[in-house]
N, C-alpha and C. Protein backbone atom coordinates (compact mmCIF):
# COMPACT_ATOMS: atom_id res chain seq x y z
N MET A 1 166.48 224.23 123.63
CA MET A 1 167.57 223.35 122.77
C MET A 1 169.10 224.36 122.74
N THR A 2 170.21 223.95 122.84
CA THR A 2 171.61 224.57 122.49
C THR A 2 171.41 224.62 121.52
N ASP A 3 172.10 225.74 120.68
CA ASP A 3 173.10 225.90 119.15
C ASP A 3 174.21 225.29 119.36
N ASP A 4 174.24 224.00 118.54
CA ASP A 4 175.66 222.97 119.44
C ASP A 4 176.21 223.04 117.53
N GLU A 5 177.26 223.21 117.47
CA GLU A 5 178.16 223.26 116.11
C GLU A 5 178.14 221.86 115.77
N ARG A 6 177.68 221.09 116.10
CA ARG A 6 177.72 219.45 115.85
C ARG A 6 176.38 219.03 114.87
N CYS A 7 175.40 219.91 115.62
CA CYS A 7 174.13 219.91 114.78
C CYS A 7 174.50 219.73 113.16
N CYS A 8 173.39 218.91 112.38
CA CYS A 8 173.91 219.01 111.04
C CYS A 8 172.78 219.77 110.61
N GLY A 9 171.61 220.71 111.31
CA GLY A 9 171.06 221.67 110.40
C GLY A 9 170.02 221.82 110.54
N THR A 10 169.04 220.29 110.78
CA THR A 10 168.05 220.27 111.30
C THR A 10 167.18 220.97 112.20
N GLY A 11 168.02 221.41 113.38
CA GLY A 11 167.49 221.52 114.59
C GLY A 11 166.73 220.70 115.68
N THR A 12 167.11 219.64 115.36
CA THR A 12 166.23 218.32 116.17
C THR A 12 167.54 217.22 116.74
N CYS A 13 168.67 217.70 116.57
CA CYS A 13 170.17 217.01 117.16
C CYS A 13 169.96 216.72 118.57
N MET A 14 170.07 215.93 118.87
CA MET A 14 170.59 215.46 120.61
C MET A 14 171.42 214.66 120.45
N ILE A 15 172.97 215.20 120.99
CA ILE A 15 174.21 214.71 121.02
C ILE A 15 174.67 214.19 122.32
N ASP A 16 174.63 213.13 122.66
CA ASP A 16 175.80 213.07 124.23
C ASP A 16 177.10 213.17 124.20
N ALA A 17 177.27 212.52 125.54
CA ALA A 17 179.09 213.48 125.67
C ALA A 17 179.59 212.37 124.52
N GLN A 18 179.71 211.20 124.16
CA GLN A 18 180.38 210.28 122.95
C GLN A 18 180.09 211.29 121.20
N GLY A 19 179.58 211.94 121.38
CA GLY A 19 179.16 212.45 120.05
C GLY A 19 178.40 211.82 119.45
N ARG A 20 177.12 210.77 120.02
CA ARG A 20 176.32 210.17 119.21
C ARG A 20 175.14 211.14 119.27
N CYS A 21 174.33 211.05 118.15
CA CYS A 21 172.89 211.79 118.25
C CYS A 21 171.96 210.75 118.11
N TRP A 22 170.85 210.97 118.40
CA TRP A 22 169.48 210.36 118.31
C TRP A 22 169.28 209.58 116.75
N CYS A 23 169.54 210.40 115.86
CA CYS A 23 169.43 209.56 114.78
C CYS A 23 170.51 208.74 114.56
N GLY A 24 171.68 208.42 115.05
CA GLY A 24 172.64 207.13 114.77
C GLY A 24 174.17 207.65 114.15
N GLN A 25 174.08 209.23 113.96
CA GLN A 25 175.20 209.63 113.62
C GLN A 25 175.93 209.53 114.56
N GLN A 26 177.40 209.76 114.19
CA GLN A 26 178.11 210.17 115.52
C GLN A 26 179.19 211.30 114.81
N TRP A 27 179.66 211.79 115.91
CA TRP A 27 180.79 213.04 115.33
C TRP A 27 182.13 212.15 115.39
N ASN A 28 182.70 213.29 114.47
CA ASN A 28 184.13 212.54 113.81
C ASN A 28 185.05 213.38 114.63
N GLY A 29 184.51 214.72 114.56
CA GLY A 29 185.77 216.14 115.32
C GLY A 29 185.41 216.97 114.12
N ASP A 30 184.79 216.94 113.20
CA ASP A 30 184.73 217.84 111.58
C ASP A 30 183.56 218.00 111.52
N THR A 31 183.17 216.64 111.48
CA THR A 31 181.47 216.69 110.72
C THR A 31 180.52 215.32 111.70
N MET A 32 179.20 215.51 111.30
CA MET A 32 178.09 214.10 111.32
C MET A 32 178.76 213.10 110.41
N CYS A 33 178.85 212.01 111.04
CA CYS A 33 179.00 210.97 110.25
C CYS A 33 178.00 209.60 110.51
N ALA A 34 177.73 208.98 109.52
CA ALA A 34 177.37 207.28 109.53
C ALA A 34 178.54 206.42 110.50
N PRO A 35 178.13 206.02 111.61
CA PRO A 35 179.34 205.16 112.31
C PRO A 35 179.47 203.84 111.46
N THR A 36 180.70 203.63 111.88
CA THR A 36 181.46 202.35 111.43
C THR A 36 180.38 201.31 112.05
N PRO A 37 180.78 199.98 111.56
CA PRO A 37 180.30 198.50 112.47
C PRO A 37 180.69 198.43 113.75
N ASP A 38 182.25 199.32 114.26
CA ASP A 38 182.78 199.23 115.38
C ASP A 38 182.65 200.05 116.00
N GLY A 39 181.03 201.21 115.58
CA GLY A 39 180.80 201.83 116.76
C GLY A 39 181.73 203.54 116.42
N GLN A 40 182.99 203.34 115.76
CA GLN A 40 183.24 204.61 115.67
C GLN A 40 182.67 206.11 113.85
N ALA A 41 182.92 206.85 114.26
CA ALA A 41 182.70 207.68 113.12
C ALA A 41 183.36 207.58 112.03
N GLY A 42 182.29 207.08 110.95
CA GLY A 42 183.20 207.00 109.51
C GLY A 42 183.12 208.26 108.83
N GLU A 43 183.16 207.93 107.54
CA GLU A 43 182.76 209.23 106.47
C GLU A 43 181.97 209.92 106.55
N PRO A 44 181.60 211.10 106.33
CA PRO A 44 180.90 212.09 106.63
C PRO A 44 179.44 210.89 105.54
N ALA A 45 178.32 211.96 106.08
CA ALA A 45 177.04 210.98 105.76
C ALA A 45 177.06 212.33 104.51
N PRO A 46 176.47 211.50 103.18
CA PRO A 46 175.88 212.95 102.07
C PRO A 46 175.15 213.80 102.69
N ALA A 47 174.93 214.80 101.87
CA ALA A 47 174.38 215.96 102.22
C ALA A 47 172.79 215.56 101.68
N VAL A 48 171.61 216.27 102.70
CA VAL A 48 170.46 215.62 101.82
C VAL A 48 170.51 216.57 100.47
N ALA A 49 170.65 217.16 100.19
CA ALA A 49 170.25 217.49 98.85
C ALA A 49 171.53 216.74 97.47
N ASP A 50 172.42 216.28 98.26
CA ASP A 50 172.90 215.53 97.40
C ASP A 50 172.18 214.00 97.23
N THR A 51 171.65 213.48 97.97
CA THR A 51 170.70 212.19 98.42
C THR A 51 169.38 212.39 97.30
N GLN A 52 168.71 213.74 97.46
CA GLN A 52 167.85 213.76 96.63
C GLN A 52 167.84 214.40 94.95
N ALA A 53 169.06 214.33 94.88
CA ALA A 53 169.60 214.94 93.61
C ALA A 53 169.01 213.97 92.23
N GLY A 54 168.07 214.34 91.71
CA GLY A 54 166.88 213.52 90.24
C GLY A 54 166.39 212.55 91.01
N THR A 55 165.55 213.20 91.84
CA THR A 55 164.46 212.39 92.10
C THR A 55 163.07 213.44 91.94
N GLU A 56 163.33 214.04 91.15
CA GLU A 56 162.25 215.29 91.10
C GLU A 56 161.24 214.88 89.83
């Protein structure tokens, strides 16, 4: 696997020519984001640490 600047940091990203990752996120030109219903990149997805805060 190549080192792609668009990888979210897991090392498992497989991103196609349109910037879509196998996990469903979309490259918006700056970061990986959850796609909007029209298939375009939306707001950046929260970091994993942000989604797990307070779950200890």
